[in-house]
Amino acid sequence: MDPGREGLLELGEIRGKIHYKFAGELIIAILLRGVPDSEQQGTFEKLLGKSARLSRAVAAIDDVLACYARDRQLR
């Protein structure tokens, strides 16, 4: 992952108001590891098309990150 990438974490009082906007950057960097910059967009689009059926996993990832933040007392 390029060290110049930035992400955002918005904390709210309730689970529905917490937004881990940096998580998308991490996932994309993991998925595209080793892919040349010139091929990243096309590769990502192909992966996205193949994984669209896994959208329920997003809720699970949100739960895991919320538990982590709560355990670490980050909010």
PDB file of N, CA and C in Angstrom:
ATOM      1  N   MET A   1       0.854  -1.186   0.000  1.00  0.00           N
ATOM      2  CA  MET A   1       0.000   0.000   0.000  1.00  0.00           C
ATOM      3  C   MET A   1       0.889   1.235   0.000  1.00  0.00           C
ATOM      4  N   ASP A   2       0.533   2.173  -0.823  1.00  0.00           N
ATOM      5  CA  ASP A   2       1.267   3.427  -0.895  1.00  0.00           C
ATOM      6  C   ASP A   2       1.175   4.148   0.450  1.00  0.00           C
ATOM      7  N   PRO A   3       2.308   4.494   1.068  1.00  0.00           N
ATOM      8  CA  PRO A   3       2.264   5.174   2.366  1.00  0.00           C
ATOM      9  C   PRO A   3       1.580   6.539   2.323  1.00  0.00           C
ATOM     10  N   GLY A   4       1.358   7.075   1.129  1.00  0.00           N
ATOM     11  CA  GLY A   4       0.689   8.362   0.999  1.00  0.00           C
ATOM     12  C   GLY A   4      -0.823   8.285   1.048  1.00  0.00           C
ATOM     13  N   ARG A   5      -1.375   7.070   1.055  1.00  0.00           N
ATOM     14  CA  ARG A   5      -2.843   6.934   1.117  1.00  0.00           C
ATOM     15  C   ARG A   5      -3.347   7.395   2.470  1.00  0.00           C
ATOM     16  N   GLU A   6      -4.535   7.958   2.458  1.00  0.00           N
ATOM     17  CA  GLU A   6      -5.158   8.425   3.690  1.00  0.00           C
ATOM     18  C   GLU A   6      -6.536   7.828   3.822  1.00  0.00           C
ATOM     19  N   GLY A   7      -7.018   7.728   5.048  1.00  0.00           N
ATOM     20  CA  GLY A   7      -8.351   7.216   5.302  1.00  0.00           C
ATOM     21  C   GLY A   7      -9.036   8.050   6.370  1.00  0.00           C
ATOM     22  N   LEU A   8     -10.277   7.710   6.658  1.00  0.00           N
ATOM     23  CA  LEU A   8     -11.066   8.496   7.595  1.00  0.00           C
ATOM     24  C   LEU A   8     -11.857   7.577   8.503  1.00  0.00           C
ATOM     25  N   LEU A   9     -11.939   7.932   9.756  1.00  0.00           N
ATOM     26  CA  LEU A   9     -12.731   7.216  10.739  1.00  0.00           C
ATOM     27  C   LEU A   9     -13.654   8.232  11.399  1.00  0.00           C
ATOM     28  N   GLU A  10     -14.968   8.013  11.269  1.00  0.00           N
ATOM     29  CA  GLU A  10     -15.947   8.892  11.909  1.00  0.00           C
ATOM     30  C   GLU A  10     -16.611   8.120  13.032  1.00  0.00           C
ATOM     31  N   LEU A  11     -16.523   8.638  14.247  1.00  0.00           N
ATOM     32  CA  LEU A  11     -17.127   7.974  15.391  1.00  0.00           C
ATOM     33  C   LEU A  11     -18.408   8.682  15.796  1.00  0.00           C
ATOM     34  N   GLY A  12     -19.402   7.894  16.117  1.00  0.00           N
ATOM     35  CA  GLY A  12     -20.675   8.421  16.588  1.00  0.00           C
ATOM     36  C   GLY A  12     -21.054   7.732  17.891  1.00  0.00           C
ATOM     37  N   GLU A  13     -22.151   8.125  18.445  1.00  0.00           N
ATOM     38  CA  GLU A  13     -22.600   7.571  19.721  1.00  0.00           C
ATOM     39  C   GLU A  13     -23.197   6.179  19.588  1.00  0.00           C
ATOM     40  N   ILE A  14     -23.690   5.849  18.391  1.00  0.00           N
ATOM     41  CA  ILE A  14     -24.307   4.541  18.191  1.00  0.00           C
ATOM     42  C   ILE A  14     -23.676   3.847  16.988  1.00  0.00           C
ATOM     43  N   ARG A  15     -23.835   2.529  16.926  1.00  0.00           N
ATOM     44  CA  ARG A  15     -23.202   1.718  15.885  1.00  0.00           C
ATOM     45  C   ARG A  15     -23.507   2.242  14.483  1.00  0.00           C
ATOM     46  N   GLY A  16     -24.709   2.633  14.233  1.00  0.00           N
ATOM     47  CA  GLY A  16     -25.095   3.095  12.913  1.00  0.00           C
ATOM     48  C   GLY A  16     -24.455   4.413  12.499  1.00  0.00           C
ATOM     49  N   LYS A  17     -23.821   5.100  13.438  1.00  0.00           N
ATOM     50  CA  LYS A  17     -23.194   6.390  13.147  1.00  0.00           C
ATOM     51  C   LYS A  17     -21.677   6.293  13.066  1.00  0.00           C
ATOM     52  N   ILE A  18     -21.126   5.075  13.111  1.00  0.00           N
ATOM     53  CA  ILE A  18     -19.691   4.875  13.004  1.00  0.00           C
ATOM     54  C   ILE A  18     -19.372   4.527  11.548  1.00  0.00           C
ATOM     55  N   HIS A  19     -18.416   5.217  10.967  1.00  0.00           N
ATOM     56  CA  HIS A  19     -18.061   4.996   9.565  1.00  0.00           C
ATOM     57  C   HIS A  19     -16.556   4.770   9.457  1.00  0.00           C
ATOM     58  N   TYR A  20     -16.190   3.590   9.014  1.00  0.00           N
ATOM     59  CA  TYR A  20     -14.787   3.239   8.842  1.00  0.00           C
ATOM     60  C   TYR A  20     -14.409   3.432   7.379  1.00  0.00           C
ATOM     61  N   LYS A  21     -14.268   4.659   6.978  1.00  0.00           N
ATOM     62  CA  LYS A  21     -14.013   4.945   5.576  1.00  0.00           C
ATOM     63  C   LYS A  21     -12.619   4.502   5.146  1.00  0.00           C
ATOM     64  N   PHE A  22     -11.708   4.327   6.099  1.00  0.00           N
ATOM     65  CA  PHE A  22     -10.379   3.841   5.771  1.00  0.00           C
ATOM     66  C   PHE A  22     -10.389   2.358   5.423  1.00  0.00           C
ATOM     67  N   ALA A  23     -11.394   1.633   5.871  1.00  0.00           N
ATOM     68  CA  ALA A  23     -11.453   0.192   5.643  1.00  0.00           C
ATOM     69  C   ALA A  23     -11.498  -0.142   4.160  1.00  0.00           C
ATOM     70  N   GLY A  24     -12.179   0.658   3.385  1.00  0.00           N
ATOM     71  CA  GLY A  24     -12.239   0.431   1.944  1.00  0.00           C
ATOM     72  C   GLY A  24     -10.865   0.537   1.304  1.00  0.00           C
ATOM     73  N   GLU A  25     -10.084   1.521   1.736  1.00  0.00           N
ATOM     74  CA  GLU A  25      -8.726   1.677   1.210  1.00  0.00           C
ATOM     75  C   GLU A  25      -7.875   0.457   1.555  1.00  0.00           C
ATOM     76  N   LEU A  26      -8.014  -0.046   2.779  1.00  0.00           N
ATOM     77  CA  LEU A  26      -7.257  -1.238   3.179  1.00  0.00           C
ATOM     78  C   LEU A  26      -7.647  -2.453   2.355  1.00  0.00           C
ATOM     79  N   ILE A  27      -8.931  -2.645   2.166  1.00  0.00           N
ATOM     80  CA  ILE A  27      -9.408  -3.800   1.409  1.00  0.00           C
ATOM     81  C   ILE A  27      -8.923  -3.729  -0.040  1.00  0.00           C
ATOM     82  N   ILE A  28      -9.021  -2.570  -0.640  1.00  0.00           N
ATOM     83  CA  ILE A  28      -8.571  -2.412  -2.023  1.00  0.00           C
ATOM     84  C   ILE A  28      -7.068  -2.679  -2.135  1.00  0.00           C
ATOM     85  N   ALA A  29      -6.287  -2.153  -1.202  1.00  0.00           N
ATOM     86  CA  ALA A  29      -4.841  -2.370  -1.233  1.00  0.00           C
ATOM     87  C   ALA A  29      -4.506  -3.857  -1.092  1.00  0.00           C
ATOM     88  N   ILE A  30      -5.240  -4.557  -0.244  1.00  0.00           N
ATOM     89  CA  ILE A  30      -5.018  -5.991  -0.058  1.00  0.00           C
ATOM     90  C   ILE A  30      -5.385  -6.751  -1.332  1.00  0.00           C
ATOM     91  N   LEU A  31      -6.519  -6.425  -1.908  1.00  0.00           N
ATOM     92  CA  LEU A  31      -6.973  -7.113  -3.115  1.00  0.00           C
ATOM     93  C   LEU A  31      -6.053  -6.880  -4.311  1.00  0.00           C
ATOM     94  N   LEU A  32      -5.436  -5.714  -4.357  1.00  0.00           N
ATOM     95  CA  LEU A  32      -4.630  -5.351  -5.522  1.00  0.00           C
ATOM     96  C   LEU A  32      -3.125  -5.465  -5.270  1.00  0.00           C
ATOM     97  N   ARG A  33      -2.774  -6.157  -4.214  1.00  0.00           N
ATOM     98  CA  ARG A  33      -1.353  -6.333  -3.887  1.00  0.00           C
ATOM     99  C   ARG A  33      -0.623  -6.958  -5.071  1.00  0.00           C
ATOM    100  N   GLY A  34       0.446  -6.316  -5.495  1.00  0.00           N
ATOM    101  CA  GLY A  34       1.247  -6.824  -6.592  1.00  0.00           C
ATOM    102  C   GLY A  34       0.743  -6.466  -7.981  1.00  0.00           C
ATOM    103  N   VAL A  35      -0.403  -5.813  -8.071  1.00  0.00           N
ATOM    104  CA  VAL A  35      -0.958  -5.416  -9.377  1.00  0.00           C
ATOM    105  C   VAL A  35      -0.366  -4.053  -9.753  1.00  0.00           C
ATOM    106  N   PRO A  36       0.215  -3.931 -10.947  1.00  0.00           N
ATOM    107  CA  PRO A  36       0.774  -2.634 -11.363  1.00  0.00           C
ATOM    108  C   PRO A  36      -0.297  -1.538 -11.359  1.00  0.00           C
ATOM    109  N   ASP A  37       0.119  -0.319 -11.075  1.00  0.00           N
ATOM    110  CA  ASP A  37      -0.814   0.810 -11.002  1.00  0.00           C
ATOM    111  C   ASP A  37      -1.682   0.918 -12.255  1.00  0.00           C
ATOM    112  N   SER A  38      -1.099   0.691 -13.408  1.00  0.00           N
ATOM    113  CA  SER A  38      -1.834   0.851 -14.662  1.00  0.00           C
ATOM    114  C   SER A  38      -2.945  -0.189 -14.831  1.00  0.00           C
ATOM    115  N   GLU A  39      -2.896  -1.280 -14.073  1.00  0.00           N
ATOM    116  CA  GLU A  39      -3.884  -2.353 -14.196  1.00  0.00           C
ATOM    117  C   GLU A  39      -4.854  -2.417 -13.016  1.00  0.00           C
ATOM    118  N   GLN A  40      -4.652  -1.561 -12.014  1.00  0.00           N
ATOM    119  CA  GLN A  40      -5.438  -1.665 -10.790  1.00  0.00           C
ATOM    120  C   GLN A  40      -6.925  -1.426 -10.994  1.00  0.00           C
ATOM    121  N   GLN A  41      -7.298  -0.416 -11.754  1.00  0.00           N
ATOM    122  CA  GLN A  41      -8.725  -0.118 -11.915  1.00  0.00           C
ATOM    123  C   GLN A  41      -9.448  -1.280 -12.591  1.00  0.00           C
ATOM    124  N   GLY A  42      -8.917  -1.778 -13.689  1.00  0.00           N
ATOM    125  CA  GLY A  42      -9.553  -2.884 -14.393  1.00  0.00           C
ATOM    126  C   GLY A  42      -9.624  -4.146 -13.541  1.00  0.00           C
ATOM    127  N   THR A  43      -8.542  -4.435 -12.826  1.00  0.00           N
ATOM    128  CA  THR A  43      -8.513  -5.611 -11.953  1.00  0.00           C
ATOM    129  C   THR A  43      -9.536  -5.480 -10.838  1.00  0.00           C
ATOM    130  N   PHE A  44      -9.614  -4.279 -10.262  1.00  0.00           N
ATOM    131  CA  PHE A  44     -10.577  -4.062  -9.177  1.00  0.00           C
ATOM    132  C   PHE A  44     -12.012  -4.212  -9.675  1.00  0.00           C
ATOM    133  N   GLU A  45     -12.300  -3.695 -10.838  1.00  0.00           N
ATOM    134  CA  GLU A  45     -13.652  -3.809 -11.395  1.00  0.00           C
ATOM    135  C   GLU A  45     -14.035  -5.274 -11.622  1.00  0.00           C
ATOM    136  N   LYS A  46     -13.094  -6.077 -12.105  1.00  0.00           N
ATOM    137  CA  LYS A  46     -13.360  -7.506 -12.290  1.00  0.00           C
ATOM    138  C   LYS A  46     -13.619  -8.196 -10.951  1.00  0.00           C
ATOM    139  N   LEU A  47     -12.789  -7.891  -9.966  1.00  0.00           N
ATOM    140  CA  LEU A  47     -12.974  -8.486  -8.638  1.00  0.00           C
ATOM    141  C   LEU A  47     -14.298  -8.067  -8.015  1.00  0.00           C
ATOM    142  N   LEU A  48     -14.650  -6.807  -8.200  1.00  0.00           N
ATOM    143  CA  LEU A  48     -15.902  -6.292  -7.652  1.00  0.00           C
ATOM    144  C   LEU A  48     -17.092  -7.010  -8.266  1.00  0.00           C
ATOM    145  N   GLY A  49     -17.041  -7.219  -9.556  1.00  0.00           N
ATOM    146  CA  GLY A  49     -18.120  -7.945 -10.232  1.00  0.00           C
ATOM    147  C   GLY A  49     -18.267  -9.363  -9.716  1.00  0.00           C
ATOM    148  N   LYS A  50     -17.138 -10.025  -9.468  1.00  0.00           N
ATOM    149  CA  LYS A  50     -17.165 -11.400  -8.975  1.00  0.00           C
ATOM    150  C   LYS A  50     -17.633 -11.496  -7.522  1.00  0.00           C
ATOM    151  N   SER A  51     -17.368 -10.461  -6.752  1.00  0.00           N
ATOM    152  CA  SER A  51     -17.661 -10.532  -5.322  1.00  0.00           C
ATOM    153  C   SER A  51     -18.956  -9.829  -4.912  1.00  0.00           C
ATOM    154  N   ALA A  52     -19.715  -9.341  -5.865  1.00  0.00           N
ATOM    155  CA  ALA A  52     -20.941  -8.598  -5.545  1.00  0.00           C
ATOM    156  C   ALA A  52     -21.896  -9.415  -4.676  1.00  0.00           C
ATOM    157  N   ARG A  53     -21.885 -10.717  -4.845  1.00  0.00           N
ATOM    158  CA  ARG A  53     -22.778 -11.574  -4.057  1.00  0.00           C
ATOM    159  C   ARG A  53     -22.378 -11.647  -2.583  1.00  0.00           C
ATOM    160  N   LEU A  54     -21.208 -11.156  -2.258  1.00  0.00           N
ATOM    161  CA  LEU A  54     -20.718 -11.239  -0.879  1.00  0.00           C
ATOM    162  C   LEU A  54     -21.025  -9.992  -0.055  1.00  0.00           C
ATOM    163  N   SER A  55     -21.969  -9.183  -0.512  1.00  0.00           N
ATOM    164  CA  SER A  55     -22.220  -7.905   0.160  1.00  0.00           C
ATOM    165  C   SER A  55     -22.628  -8.060   1.621  1.00  0.00           C
ATOM    166  N   ARG A  56     -23.168  -9.216   1.993  1.00  0.00           N
ATOM    167  CA  ARG A  56     -23.524  -9.419   3.406  1.00  0.00           C
ATOM    168  C   ARG A  56     -22.294  -9.400   4.304  1.00  0.00           C
ATOM    169  N   ALA A  57     -21.141  -9.667   3.730  1.00  0.00           N
ATOM    170  CA  ALA A  57     -19.908  -9.643   4.513  1.00  0.00           C
ATOM    171  C   ALA A  57     -19.590  -8.244   5.027  1.00  0.00           C
ATOM    172  N   VAL A  58     -20.065  -7.231   4.327  1.00  0.00           N
ATOM    173  CA  VAL A  58     -19.807  -5.852   4.754  1.00  0.00           C
ATOM    174  C   VAL A  58     -20.378  -5.611   6.151  1.00  0.00           C
ATOM    175  N   ALA A  59     -21.564  -6.098   6.413  1.00  0.00           N
ATOM    176  CA  ALA A  59     -22.165  -5.941   7.746  1.00  0.00           C
ATOM    177  C   ALA A  59     -21.324  -6.666   8.791  1.00  0.00           C
ATOM    178  N   ALA A  60     -20.810  -7.825   8.452  1.00  0.00           N
ATOM    179  CA  ALA A  60     -19.980  -8.576   9.396  1.00  0.00           C
ATOM    180  C   ALA A  60     -18.678  -7.830   9.686  1.00  0.00           C
ATOM    181  N   ILE A  61     -18.087  -7.238   8.654  1.00  0.00           N
ATOM    182  CA  ILE A  61     -16.860  -6.461   8.847  1.00  0.00           C
ATOM    183  C   ILE A  61     -17.137  -5.263   9.745  1.00  0.00           C
ATOM    184  N   ASP A  62     -18.268  -4.612   9.548  1.00  0.00           N
ATOM    185  CA  ASP A  62     -18.645  -3.483  10.390  1.00  0.00           C
ATOM    186  C   ASP A  62     -18.774  -3.923  11.843  1.00  0.00           C
ATOM    187  N   ASP A  63     -19.382  -5.078  12.070  1.00  0.00           N
ATOM    188  CA  ASP A  63     -19.516  -5.607  13.432  1.00  0.00           C
ATOM    189  C   ASP A  63     -18.158  -5.867  14.067  1.00  0.00           C
ATOM    190  N   VAL A  64     -17.263  -6.469  13.307  1.00  0.00           N
ATOM    191  CA  VAL A  64     -15.923  -6.777  13.832  1.00  0.00           C
ATOM    192  C   VAL A  64     -15.182  -5.497  14.201  1.00  0.00           C
ATOM    193  N   LEU A  65     -15.215  -4.505  13.314  1.00  0.00           N
ATOM    194  CA  LEU A  65     -14.531  -3.245  13.601  1.00  0.00           C
ATOM    195  C   LEU A  65     -15.171  -2.507  14.771  1.00  0.00           C
ATOM    196  N   ALA A  66     -16.487  -2.580  14.899  1.00  0.00           N
ATOM    197  CA  ALA A  66     -17.163  -1.943  16.040  1.00  0.00           C
ATOM    198  C   ALA A  66     -16.740  -2.609  17.342  1.00  0.00           C
ATOM    199  N   CYS A  67     -16.647  -3.929  17.343  1.00  0.00           N
ATOM    200  CA  CYS A  67     -16.200  -4.652  18.540  1.00  0.00           C
ATOM    201  C   CYS A  67     -14.763  -4.277  18.890  1.00  0.00           C
ATOM    202  N   TYR A  68     -13.907  -4.207  17.883  1.00  0.00           N
ATOM    203  CA  TYR A  68     -12.518  -3.824  18.104  1.00  0.00           C
ATOM    204  C   TYR A  68     -12.435  -2.420  18.705  1.00  0.00           C
ATOM    205  N   ALA A  69     -13.154  -1.477  18.123  1.00  0.00           N
ATOM    206  CA  ALA A  69     -13.131  -0.092  18.618  1.00  0.00           C
ATOM    207  C   ALA A  69     -13.643  -0.024  20.051  1.00  0.00           C
ATOM    208  N   ARG A  70     -14.701  -0.768  20.327  1.00  0.00           N
ATOM    209  CA  ARG A  70     -15.248  -0.773  21.681  1.00  0.00           C
ATOM    210  C   ARG A  70     -14.257  -1.394  22.668  1.00  0.00           C
ATOM    211  N   ASP A  71     -13.633  -2.505  22.278  1.00  0.00           N
ATOM    212  CA  ASP A  71     -12.666  -3.181  23.147  1.00  0.00           C
ATOM    213  C   ASP A  71     -11.458  -2.306  23.433  1.00  0.00           C
ATOM    214  N   ARG A  72     -11.022  -1.551  22.434  1.00  0.00           N
ATOM    215  CA  ARG A  72      -9.861  -0.669  22.587  1.00  0.00           C
ATOM    216  C   ARG A  72     -10.235   0.700  23.138  1.00  0.00           C
ATOM    217  N   GLN A  73     -11.522   0.876  23.425  1.00  0.00           N
ATOM    218  CA  GLN A  73     -12.055   2.129  23.940  1.00  0.00           C
ATOM    219  C   GLN A  73     -11.668   3.310  23.037  1.00  0.00           C
ATOM    220  N   LEU A  74     -11.880   3.101  21.733  1.00  0.00           N
ATOM    221  CA  LEU A  74     -11.548   4.135  20.759  1.00  0.00           C
ATOM    222  C   LEU A  74     -12.671   5.145  20.563  1.00  0.00           C
ATOM    223  N   ARG A  75     -13.762   4.946  21.234  1.00  0.00           N
ATOM    224  CA  ARG A  75     -14.829   5.930  21.120  1.00  0.00           C
ATOM    225  C   ARG A  75     -15.345   6.307  22.453  1.00  0.00           C
TER     226      ARG A  75
END
